[in-house]
Structure formats: C-alpha cells, structure tokens
PDB file of N, CA and C in Angstrom:
ATOM      1  N   MET A   1     185.611 164.688  54.045  1.00  0.00           N
ATOM      2  CA  MET A   1     184.799 163.975  55.004  1.00  0.00           C
ATOM      3  C   MET A   1     183.865 164.967  55.693  1.00  0.00           C
ATOM      4  N   ARG A   2     182.612 164.608  55.773  1.00  0.00           N
ATOM      5  CA  ARG A   2     181.607 165.467  56.380  1.00  0.00           C
ATOM      6  C   ARG A   2     181.328 165.005  57.806  1.00  0.00           C
ATOM      7  N   MET A   3     181.314 165.951  58.739  1.00  0.00           N
ATOM      8  CA  MET A   3     181.006 165.600  60.125  1.00  0.00           C
ATOM      9  C   MET A   3     179.531 165.844  60.393  1.00  0.00           C
ATOM     10  N   GLU A   4     178.942 164.958  61.124  1.00  0.00           N
ATOM     11  CA  GLU A   4     177.549 165.106  61.513  1.00  0.00           C
ATOM     12  C   GLU A   4     177.442 166.125  62.639  1.00  0.00           C
ATOM     13  N   LYS A   5     176.250 166.737  62.753  1.00  0.00           N
ATOM     14  CA  LYS A   5     176.015 167.749  63.781  1.00  0.00           C
ATOM     15  C   LYS A   5     176.324 167.208  65.178  1.00  0.00           C
ATOM     16  N   GLU A   6     175.966 165.959  65.443  1.00  0.00           N
ATOM     17  CA  GLU A   6     176.210 165.373  66.758  1.00  0.00           C
ATOM     18  C   GLU A   6     177.695 165.356  67.089  1.00  0.00           C
ATOM     19  N   ASN A   7     178.541 165.161  66.088  1.00  0.00           N
ATOM     20  CA  ASN A   7     179.979 165.167  66.324  1.00  0.00           C
ATOM     21  C   ASN A   7     180.459 166.538  66.784  1.00  0.00           C
ATOM     22  N   TYR A   8     179.870 167.584  66.242  1.00  0.00           N
ATOM     23  CA  TYR A   8     180.222 168.933  66.692  1.00  0.00           C
ATOM     24  C   TYR A   8     179.799 169.141  68.139  1.00  0.00           C
ATOM     25  N   GLU A   9     178.610 168.670  68.491  1.00  0.00           N
ATOM     26  CA  GLU A   9     178.165 168.761  69.885  1.00  0.00           C
ATOM     27  C   GLU A   9     179.142 168.019  70.781  1.00  0.00           C
ATOM     28  N   ASN A  10     179.565 166.851  70.338  1.00  0.00           N
ATOM     29  CA  ASN A  10     180.525 166.074  71.118  1.00  0.00           C
ATOM     30  C   ASN A  10     181.842 166.804  71.287  1.00  0.00           C
ATOM     31  N   ALA A  11     182.233 167.599  70.302  1.00  0.00           N
ATOM     32  CA  ALA A  11     183.509 168.301  70.373  1.00  0.00           C
ATOM     33  C   ALA A  11     183.563 169.238  71.574  1.00  0.00           C
ATOM     34  N   GLU A  12     182.525 170.047  71.760  1.00  0.00           N
ATOM     35  CA  GLU A  12     182.523 170.964  72.906  1.00  0.00           C
ATOM     36  C   GLU A  12     182.520 170.186  74.221  1.00  0.00           C
ATOM     37  N   PHE A  13     181.710 169.139  74.269  1.00  0.00           N
ATOM     38  CA  PHE A  13     181.641 168.322  75.472  1.00  0.00           C
ATOM     39  C   PHE A  13     182.993 167.675  75.769  1.00  0.00           C
ATOM     40  N   LEU A  14     183.607 167.093  74.758  1.00  0.00           N
ATOM     41  CA  LEU A  14     184.885 166.411  74.956  1.00  0.00           C
ATOM     42  C   LEU A  14     185.998 167.379  75.323  1.00  0.00           C
ATOM     43  N   LEU A  15     186.008 168.545  74.694  1.00  0.00           N
ATOM     44  CA  LEU A  15     187.020 169.551  75.050  1.00  0.00           C
ATOM     45  C   LEU A  15     186.801 170.059  76.473  1.00  0.00           C
ATOM     46  N   GLY A  16     185.554 170.257  76.845  1.00  0.00           N
ATOM     47  CA  GLY A  16     185.247 170.659  78.221  1.00  0.00           C
ATOM     48  C   GLY A  16     185.741 169.618  79.205  1.00  0.00           C
ATOM     49  N   ASP A  17     185.454 168.347  78.928  1.00  0.00           N
ATOM     50  CA  ASP A  17     185.916 167.268  79.797  1.00  0.00           C
ATOM     51  C   ASP A  17     187.444 167.187  79.832  1.00  0.00           C
ATOM     52  N   PHE A  18     188.055 167.346  78.671  1.00  0.00           N
ATOM     53  CA  PHE A  18     189.511 167.289  78.583  1.00  0.00           C
ATOM     54  C   PHE A  18     190.149 168.323  79.510  1.00  0.00           C
ATOM     55  N   TYR A  19     189.693 169.561  79.413  1.00  0.00           N
ATOM     56  CA  TYR A  19     190.265 170.615  80.255  1.00  0.00           C
ATOM     57  C   TYR A  19     189.876 170.458  81.714  1.00  0.00           C
ATOM     58  N   SER A  20     188.686 169.981  81.962  1.00  0.00           N
ATOM     59  CA  SER A  20     188.256 169.758  83.348  1.00  0.00           C
ATOM     60  C   SER A  20     189.137 168.715  84.029  1.00  0.00           C
ATOM     61  N   GLU A  21     189.428 167.629  83.324  1.00  0.00           N
ATOM     62  CA  GLU A  21     190.279 166.578  83.882  1.00  0.00           C
ATOM     63  C   GLU A  21     191.684 167.086  84.181  1.00  0.00           C
ATOM     64  N   GLN A  22     192.120 168.087  83.449  1.00  0.00           N
ATOM     65  CA  GLN A  22     193.442 168.680  83.687  1.00  0.00           C
ATOM     66  C   GLN A  22     193.375 169.814  84.716  1.00  0.00           C
ATOM     67  N   LYS A  23     192.188 170.015  85.291  1.00  0.00           N
ATOM     68  CA  LYS A  23     191.942 171.084  86.270  1.00  0.00           C
ATOM     69  C   LYS A  23     192.138 172.473  85.668  1.00  0.00           C
ATOM     70  N   LYS A  24     191.919 172.575  84.373  1.00  0.00           N
ATOM     71  CA  LYS A  24     191.952 173.866  83.672  1.00  0.00           C
ATOM     72  C   LYS A  24     190.498 174.309  83.512  1.00  0.00           C
ATOM     73  N   TYR A  25     189.940 174.724  84.639  1.00  0.00           N
ATOM     74  CA  TYR A  25     188.499 174.957  84.721  1.00  0.00           C
ATOM     75  C   TYR A  25     188.017 176.140  83.890  1.00  0.00           C
ATOM     76  N   THR A  26     188.838 177.152  83.731  1.00  0.00           N
ATOM     77  CA  THR A  26     188.446 178.294  82.908  1.00  0.00           C
ATOM     78  C   THR A  26     188.255 177.868  81.460  1.00  0.00           C
ATOM     79  N   GLU A  27     189.176 177.061  80.965  1.00  0.00           N
ATOM     80  CA  GLU A  27     189.059 176.546  79.598  1.00  0.00           C
ATOM     81  C   GLU A  27     187.864 175.602  79.477  1.00  0.00           C
ATOM     82  N   ALA A  28     187.695 174.730  80.455  1.00  0.00           N
ATOM     83  CA  ALA A  28     186.570 173.788  80.427  1.00  0.00           C
ATOM     84  C   ALA A  28     185.246 174.551  80.400  1.00  0.00           C
ATOM     85  N   GLU A  29     185.122 175.559  81.248  1.00  0.00           N
ATOM     86  CA  GLU A  29     183.898 176.358  81.292  1.00  0.00           C
ATOM     87  C   GLU A  29     183.616 176.981  79.924  1.00  0.00           C
ATOM     88  N   LYS A  30     184.659 177.484  79.286  1.00  0.00           N
ATOM     89  CA  LYS A  30     184.509 178.119  77.979  1.00  0.00           C
ATOM     90  C   LYS A  30     183.880 177.148  76.975  1.00  0.00           C
ATOM     91  N   TYR A  31     184.346 175.924  76.948  1.00  0.00           N
ATOM     92  CA  TYR A  31     183.823 174.958  75.969  1.00  0.00           C
ATOM     93  C   TYR A  31     182.417 174.475  76.322  1.00  0.00           C
ATOM     94  N   TYR A  32     182.149 174.267  77.605  1.00  0.00           N
ATOM     95  CA  TYR A  32     180.785 173.882  77.983  1.00  0.00           C
ATOM     96  C   TYR A  32     179.796 174.992  77.620  1.00  0.00           C
ATOM     97  N   LEU A  33     180.162 176.236  77.920  1.00  0.00           N
ATOM     98  CA  LEU A  33     179.269 177.361  77.604  1.00  0.00           C
ATOM     99  C   LEU A  33     179.101 177.523  76.091  1.00  0.00           C
ATOM    100  N   LYS A  34     180.170 177.316  75.362  1.00  0.00           N
ATOM    101  CA  LYS A  34     180.098 177.397  73.899  1.00  0.00           C
ATOM    102  C   LYS A  34     179.145 176.329  73.359  1.00  0.00           C
ATOM    103  N   GLY A  35     179.230 175.131  73.893  1.00  0.00           N
ATOM    104  CA  GLY A  35     178.330 174.060  73.482  1.00  0.00           C
ATOM    105  C   GLY A  35     176.882 174.363  73.821  1.00  0.00           C
ATOM    106  N   ILE A  36     176.652 174.911  74.998  1.00  0.00           N
ATOM    107  CA  ILE A  36     175.288 175.267  75.416  1.00  0.00           C
ATOM    108  C   ILE A  36     174.734 176.369  74.518  1.00  0.00           C
ATOM    109  N   GLU A  37     175.577 177.340  74.196  1.00  0.00           N
ATOM    110  CA  GLU A  37     175.144 178.435  73.323  1.00  0.00           C
ATOM    111  C   GLU A  37     174.759 177.912  71.935  1.00  0.00           C
ATOM    112  N   LYS A  38     175.542 176.999  71.419  1.00  0.00           N
ATOM    113  CA  LYS A  38     175.301 176.481  70.068  1.00  0.00           C
ATOM    114  C   LYS A  38     174.168 175.459  70.000  1.00  0.00           C
ATOM    115  N   TYR A  39     174.097 174.569  70.997  1.00  0.00           N
ATOM    116  CA  TYR A  39     173.224 173.404  70.876  1.00  0.00           C
ATOM    117  C   TYR A  39     172.134 173.326  71.938  1.00  0.00           C
ATOM    118  N   GLY A  40     172.090 174.303  72.822  1.00  0.00           N
ATOM    119  CA  GLY A  40     171.063 174.295  73.849  1.00  0.00           C
ATOM    120  C   GLY A  40     171.546 173.627  75.127  1.00  0.00           C
ATOM    121  N   ARG A  41     170.652 173.538  76.061  1.00  0.00           N
ATOM    122  CA  ARG A  41     170.986 173.064  77.402  1.00  0.00           C
ATOM    123  C   ARG A  41     170.959 171.532  77.461  1.00  0.00           C
ATOM    124  N   LYS A  42     171.928 170.932  76.791  1.00  0.00           N
ATOM    125  CA  LYS A  42     172.069 169.473  76.764  1.00  0.00           C
ATOM    126  C   LYS A  42     172.557 168.997  78.133  1.00  0.00           C
ATOM    127  N   LEU A  43     172.031 167.873  78.569  1.00  0.00           N
ATOM    128  CA  LEU A  43     172.324 167.372  79.911  1.00  0.00           C
ATOM    129  C   LEU A  43     173.815 167.221  80.180  1.00  0.00           C
ATOM    130  N   ARG A  44     174.535 166.631  79.256  1.00  0.00           N
ATOM    131  CA  ARG A  44     175.955 166.381  79.516  1.00  0.00           C
ATOM    132  C   ARG A  44     176.767 167.667  79.571  1.00  0.00           C
ATOM    133  N   LEU A  45     176.395 168.664  78.784  1.00  0.00           N
ATOM    134  CA  LEU A  45     177.079 169.954  78.858  1.00  0.00           C
ATOM    135  C   LEU A  45     176.784 170.639  80.189  1.00  0.00           C
ATOM    136  N   LEU A  46     175.524 170.576  80.612  1.00  0.00           N
ATOM    137  CA  LEU A  46     175.146 171.182  81.892  1.00  0.00           C
ATOM    138  C   LEU A  46     175.849 170.492  83.056  1.00  0.00           C
ATOM    139  N   PHE A  47     175.901 169.176  83.024  1.00  0.00           N
ATOM    140  CA  PHE A  47     176.560 168.453  84.110  1.00  0.00           C
ATOM    141  C   PHE A  47     178.041 168.796  84.169  1.00  0.00           C
ATOM    142  N   GLY A  48     178.673 168.882  83.018  1.00  0.00           N
ATOM    143  CA  GLY A  48     180.081 169.267  82.992  1.00  0.00           C
ATOM    144  C   GLY A  48     180.291 170.655  83.559  1.00  0.00           C
ATOM    145  N   LEU A  49     179.435 171.576  83.173  1.00  0.00           N
ATOM    146  CA  LEU A  49     179.542 172.955  83.659  1.00  0.00           C
ATOM    147  C   LEU A  49     179.317 173.023  85.167  1.00  0.00           C
ATOM    148  N   ALA A  50     178.324 172.310  85.665  1.00  0.00           N
ATOM    149  CA  ALA A  50     178.057 172.298  87.109  1.00  0.00           C
ATOM    150  C   ALA A  50     179.250 171.745  87.872  1.00  0.00           C
ATOM    151  N   THR A  51     179.869 170.724  87.328  1.00  0.00           N
ATOM    152  CA  THR A  51     181.046 170.132  87.971  1.00  0.00           C
ATOM    153  C   THR A  51     182.199 171.129  88.015  1.00  0.00           C
ATOM    154  N   VAL A  52     182.387 171.857  86.940  1.00  0.00           N
ATOM    155  CA  VAL A  52     183.429 172.884  86.895  1.00  0.00           C
ATOM    156  C   VAL A  52     183.149 173.949  87.964  1.00  0.00           C
ATOM    157  N   TYR A  53     181.902 174.397  88.047  1.00  0.00           N
ATOM    158  CA  TYR A  53     181.555 175.404  89.050  1.00  0.00           C
ATOM    159  C   TYR A  53     181.797 174.872  90.465  1.00  0.00           C
ATOM    160  N   LYS A  54     181.442 173.629  90.688  1.00  0.00           N
ATOM    161  CA  LYS A  54     181.659 173.030  92.007  1.00  0.00           C
ATOM    162  C   LYS A  54     183.151 172.996  92.337  1.00  0.00           C
ATOM    163  N   GLU A  55     183.969 172.578  91.384  1.00  0.00           N
ATOM    164  CA  GLU A  55     185.415 172.509  91.601  1.00  0.00           C
ATOM    165  C   GLU A  55     186.026 173.893  91.822  1.00  0.00           C
ATOM    166  N   GLN A  56     185.432 174.913  91.234  1.00  0.00           N
ATOM    167  CA  GLN A  56     185.926 176.285  91.395  1.00  0.00           C
ATOM    168  C   GLN A  56     185.337 176.952  92.639  1.00  0.00           C
ATOM    169  N   GLU A  57     184.560 176.197  93.399  1.00  0.00           N
ATOM    170  CA  GLU A  57     183.883 176.699  94.594  1.00  0.00           C
ATOM    171  C   GLU A  57     182.879 177.793  94.257  1.00  0.00           C
ATOM    172  N   ARG A  58     182.303 177.697  93.082  1.00  0.00           N
ATOM    173  CA  ARG A  58     181.222 178.600  92.654  1.00  0.00           C
ATOM    174  C   ARG A  58     179.914 177.851  92.914  1.00  0.00           C
ATOM    175  N   TYR A  59     179.668 177.636  94.201  1.00  0.00           N
ATOM    176  CA  TYR A  59     178.622 176.722  94.636  1.00  0.00           C
ATOM    177  C   TYR A  59     177.215 177.178  94.259  1.00  0.00           C
ATOM    178  N   LYS A  60     176.965 178.451  94.301  1.00  0.00           N
ATOM    179  CA  LYS A  60     175.628 178.941  93.963  1.00  0.00           C
ATOM    180  C   LYS A  60     175.296 178.626  92.496  1.00  0.00           C
ATOM    181  N   GLU A  61     176.259 178.839  91.619  1.00  0.00           N
ATOM    182  CA  GLU A  61     176.053 178.553  90.197  1.00  0.00           C
ATOM    183  C   GLU A  61     175.894 177.046  89.960  1.00  0.00           C
ATOM    184  N   ALA A  62     176.690 176.251  90.665  1.00  0.00           N
ATOM    185  CA  ALA A  62     176.570 174.792  90.548  1.00  0.00           C
ATOM    186  C   ALA A  62     175.198 174.344  91.025  1.00  0.00           C
ATOM    187  N   LYS A  63     174.744 174.894  92.132  1.00  0.00           N
ATOM    188  CA  LYS A  63     173.436 174.521  92.691  1.00  0.00           C
ATOM    189  C   LYS A  63     172.318 174.812  91.692  1.00  0.00           C
ATOM    190  N   GLU A  64     172.369 175.954  91.040  1.00  0.00           N
ATOM    191  CA  GLU A  64     171.318 176.316  90.076  1.00  0.00           C
ATOM    192  C   GLU A  64     171.229 175.289  88.945  1.00  0.00           C
ATOM    193  N   ILE A  65     172.369 174.843  88.472  1.00  0.00           N
ATOM    194  CA  ILE A  65     172.367 173.858  87.386  1.00  0.00           C
ATOM    195  C   ILE A  65     171.894 172.502  87.896  1.00  0.00           C
ATOM    196  N   TYR A  66     172.369 172.096  89.071  1.00  0.00           N
ATOM    197  CA  TYR A  66     171.917 170.813  89.623  1.00  0.00           C
ATOM    198  C   TYR A  66     170.407 170.822  89.865  1.00  0.00           C
ATOM    199  N   GLU A  67     169.869 171.965  90.287  1.00  0.00           N
ATOM    200  CA  GLU A  67     168.418 172.070  90.471  1.00  0.00           C
ATOM    201  C   GLU A  67     167.698 171.857  89.143  1.00  0.00           C
ATOM    202  N   GLU A  68     168.227 172.421  88.083  1.00  0.00           N
ATOM    203  CA  GLU A  68     167.641 172.235  86.755  1.00  0.00           C
ATOM    204  C   GLU A  68     167.717 170.765  86.333  1.00  0.00           C
ATOM    205  N   LEU A  69     168.853 170.138  86.572  1.00  0.00           N
ATOM    206  CA  LEU A  69     169.051 168.747  86.181  1.00  0.00           C
ATOM    207  C   LEU A  69     168.188 167.792  87.000  1.00  0.00           C
ATOM    208  N   LYS A  70     167.847 168.204  88.190  1.00  0.00           N
ATOM    209  CA  LYS A  70     167.017 167.375  89.070  1.00  0.00           C
ATOM    210  C   LYS A  70     165.646 167.091  88.459  1.00  0.00           C
ATOM    211  N   SER A  71     165.197 167.940  87.561  1.00  0.00           N
ATOM    212  CA  SER A  71     163.893 167.745  86.926  1.00  0.00           C
ATOM    213  C   SER A  71     163.984 166.907  85.649  1.00  0.00           C
ATOM    214  N   SER A  72     165.149 166.325  85.389  1.00  0.00           N
ATOM    215  CA  SER A  72     165.345 165.507  84.191  1.00  0.00           C
ATOM    216  C   SER A  72     164.464 164.264  84.224  1.00  0.00           C
ATOM    217  N   LYS A  73     164.061 163.825  83.053  1.00  0.00           N
ATOM    218  CA  LYS A  73     163.309 162.580  82.926  1.00  0.00           C
ATOM    219  C   LYS A  73     164.230 161.369  83.048  1.00  0.00           C
ATOM    220  N   ASP A  74     165.518 161.588  82.806  1.00  0.00           N
ATOM    221  CA  ASP A  74     166.511 160.528  82.915  1.00  0.00           C
ATOM    222  C   ASP A  74     166.795 160.262  84.394  1.00  0.00           C
ATOM    223  N   LYS A  75     166.455 159.064  84.850  1.00  0.00           N
ATOM    224  CA  LYS A  75     166.570 158.728  86.272  1.00  0.00           C
ATOM    225  C   LYS A  75     167.996 158.874  86.800  1.00  0.00           C
ATOM    226  N   SER A  76     168.982 158.435  86.028  1.00  0.00           N
ATOM    227  CA  SER A  76     170.368 158.502  86.505  1.00  0.00           C
ATOM    228  C   SER A  76     170.846 159.953  86.620  1.00  0.00           C
ATOM    229  N   ILE A  77     170.449 160.792  85.678  1.00  0.00           N
ATOM    230  CA  ILE A  77     170.811 162.214  85.746  1.00  0.00           C
ATOM    231  C   ILE A  77     170.171 162.843  86.971  1.00  0.00           C
ATOM    232  N   LYS A  78     168.901 162.552  87.161  1.00  0.00           N
ATOM    233  CA  LYS A  78     168.167 163.088  88.313  1.00  0.00           C
ATOM    234  C   LYS A  78     168.836 162.658  89.626  1.00  0.00           C
ATOM    235  N   GLU A  79     169.196 161.390  89.724  1.00  0.00           N
ATOM    236  CA  GLU A  79     169.835 160.884  90.941  1.00  0.00           C
ATOM    237  C   GLU A  79     171.198 161.529  91.175  1.00  0.00           C
ATOM    238  N   MET A  80     171.985 161.689  90.122  1.00  0.00           N
ATOM    239  CA  MET A  80     173.300 162.323  90.276  1.00  0.00           C
ATOM    240  C   MET A  80     173.151 163.786  90.689  1.00  0.00           C
ATOM    241  N   ALA A  81     172.179 164.479  90.111  1.00  0.00           N
ATOM    242  CA  ALA A  81     171.947 165.883  90.479  1.00  0.00           C
ATOM    243  C   ALA A  81     171.542 165.983  91.949  1.00  0.00           C
ATOM    244  N   GLU A  82     170.650 165.103  92.382  1.00  0.00           N
ATOM    245  CA  GLU A  82     170.214 165.114  93.782  1.00  0.00           C
ATOM    246  C   GLU A  82     171.378 164.816  94.721  1.00  0.00           C
ATOM    247  N   LYS A  83     172.234 163.872  94.346  1.00  0.00           N
ATOM    248  CA  LYS A  83     173.414 163.536  95.150  1.00  0.00           C
ATOM    249  C   LYS A  83     174.331 164.752  95.292  1.00  0.00           C
ATOM    250  N   ASN A  84     174.583 165.426  94.184  1.00  0.00           N
ATOM    251  CA  ASN A  84     175.447 166.611  94.229  1.00  0.00           C
ATOM    252  C   ASN A  84     174.827 167.738  95.042  1.00  0.00           C
ATOM    253  N   LEU A  85     173.524 167.902  94.950  1.00  0.00           N
ATOM    254  CA  LEU A  85     172.847 168.922  95.757  1.00  0.00           C
ATOM    255  C   LEU A  85     172.975 168.609  97.241  1.00  0.00           C
ATOM    256  N   LYS A  86     172.856 167.335  97.602  1.00  0.00           N
ATOM    257  CA  LYS A  86     173.013 166.948  99.011  1.00  0.00           C
ATOM    258  C   LYS A  86     174.427 167.251  99.494  1.00  0.00           C
ATOM    259  N   GLU A  87     175.416 166.961  98.655  1.00  0.00           N
ATOM    260  CA  GLU A  87     176.807 167.265  99.017  1.00  0.00           C
ATOM    261  C   GLU A  87     176.994 168.751  99.254  1.00  0.00           C
ATOM    262  N   LEU A  88     176.450 169.557  98.366  1.00  0.00           N
ATOM    263  CA  LEU A  88     176.554 171.009  98.525  1.00  0.00           C
ATOM    264  C   LEU A  88     175.828 171.459  99.788  1.00  0.00           C
ATOM    265  N   GLY A  89     174.672 170.873 100.042  1.00  0.00           N
ATOM    266  CA  GLY A  89     173.880 171.230 101.222  1.00  0.00           C
ATOM    267  C   GLY A  89     174.589 170.875 102.518  1.00  0.00           C
ATOM    268  N   ARG A  90     175.229 169.700 102.552  1.00  0.00           N
ATOM    269  CA  ARG A  90     175.955 169.281 103.760  1.00  0.00           C
ATOM    270  C   ARG A  90     177.077 170.246 104.074  1.00  0.00           C
ATOM    271  N   GLU A  91     177.693 170.749 103.045  1.00  0.00           N
ATOM    272  CA  GLU A  91     178.818 171.657 103.225  1.00  0.00           C
ATOM    273  C   GLU A  91     178.373 173.099 103.393  1.00  0.00           C
ATOM    274  N   ASN A  92     177.081 173.371 103.130  1.00  0.00           N
ATOM    275  CA  ASN A  92     176.543 174.733 103.175  1.00  0.00           C
ATOM    276  C   ASN A  92     177.367 175.691 102.330  1.00  0.00           C
ATOM    277  N   ASN A  93     177.835 175.211 101.215  1.00  0.00           N
ATOM    278  CA  ASN A  93     178.736 176.009 100.387  1.00  0.00           C
ATOM    279  C   ASN A  93     178.047 176.942  99.417  1.00  0.00           C
ATOM    280  N   TYR A  94     176.779 176.770  99.209  1.00  0.00           N
ATOM    281  CA  TYR A  94     176.131 177.570  98.174  1.00  0.00           C
ATOM    282  C   TYR A  94     175.346 178.731  98.744  1.00  0.00           C
ATOM    283  N   GLU A  95     175.413 178.952 100.013  1.00  0.00           N
ATOM    284  CA  GLU A  95     174.658 180.048 100.617  1.00  0.00           C
ATOM    285  C   GLU A  95     175.420 181.339 100.517  1.00  0.00           C
TER     286      GLU A  95
END
C-alpha cells in the first residue's frame, strides 16, 4: 500500500497533537518541528507548536508564531491567532 504525501504530513501533525494532549510537550514539539522541517510552515503544524510553547510558558516563542499566523488569509486561523495574542498580552507573559 502506498501512502500519499499528505498522509505523511498528517502523521507529524497527529503525533504532535497526540503527545500534546498527553501533556508530553517535548515529544509534541519534536514532531511539530519535524513536520515543519519536512513540509514547510503549514498552518496546523505552526498552531500546534505555538500551543505547545504556550503550555510550556515559552511565551515569547508562542507570540512569534501567533504573529506569523495573524497574517494568514484563512479568517478562522487569523482570528484564533489574534485571540491567543490577546491572552498572552493580558498576562504580559511574553515580555
């Protein structure tokens, strides 16, 4: 059975999400970064990585990714990025 390229992209994303949900953020980060390295800065990989950074209190790194996502053409991605940036700003956690 041959897997399509998109399925491989999904693998890194799904593994990142799997470990993130278990609060195994180091493992989740590894898979998100691996996916980004292989397939580029895909929105879902970036969002997963930003969430991991936020959960690890690596607020400056999370902010940088949310700022990048804020320029997305996808309205829902843009809105979610802006919401997360506001949360970080209210807490002043990224300074």
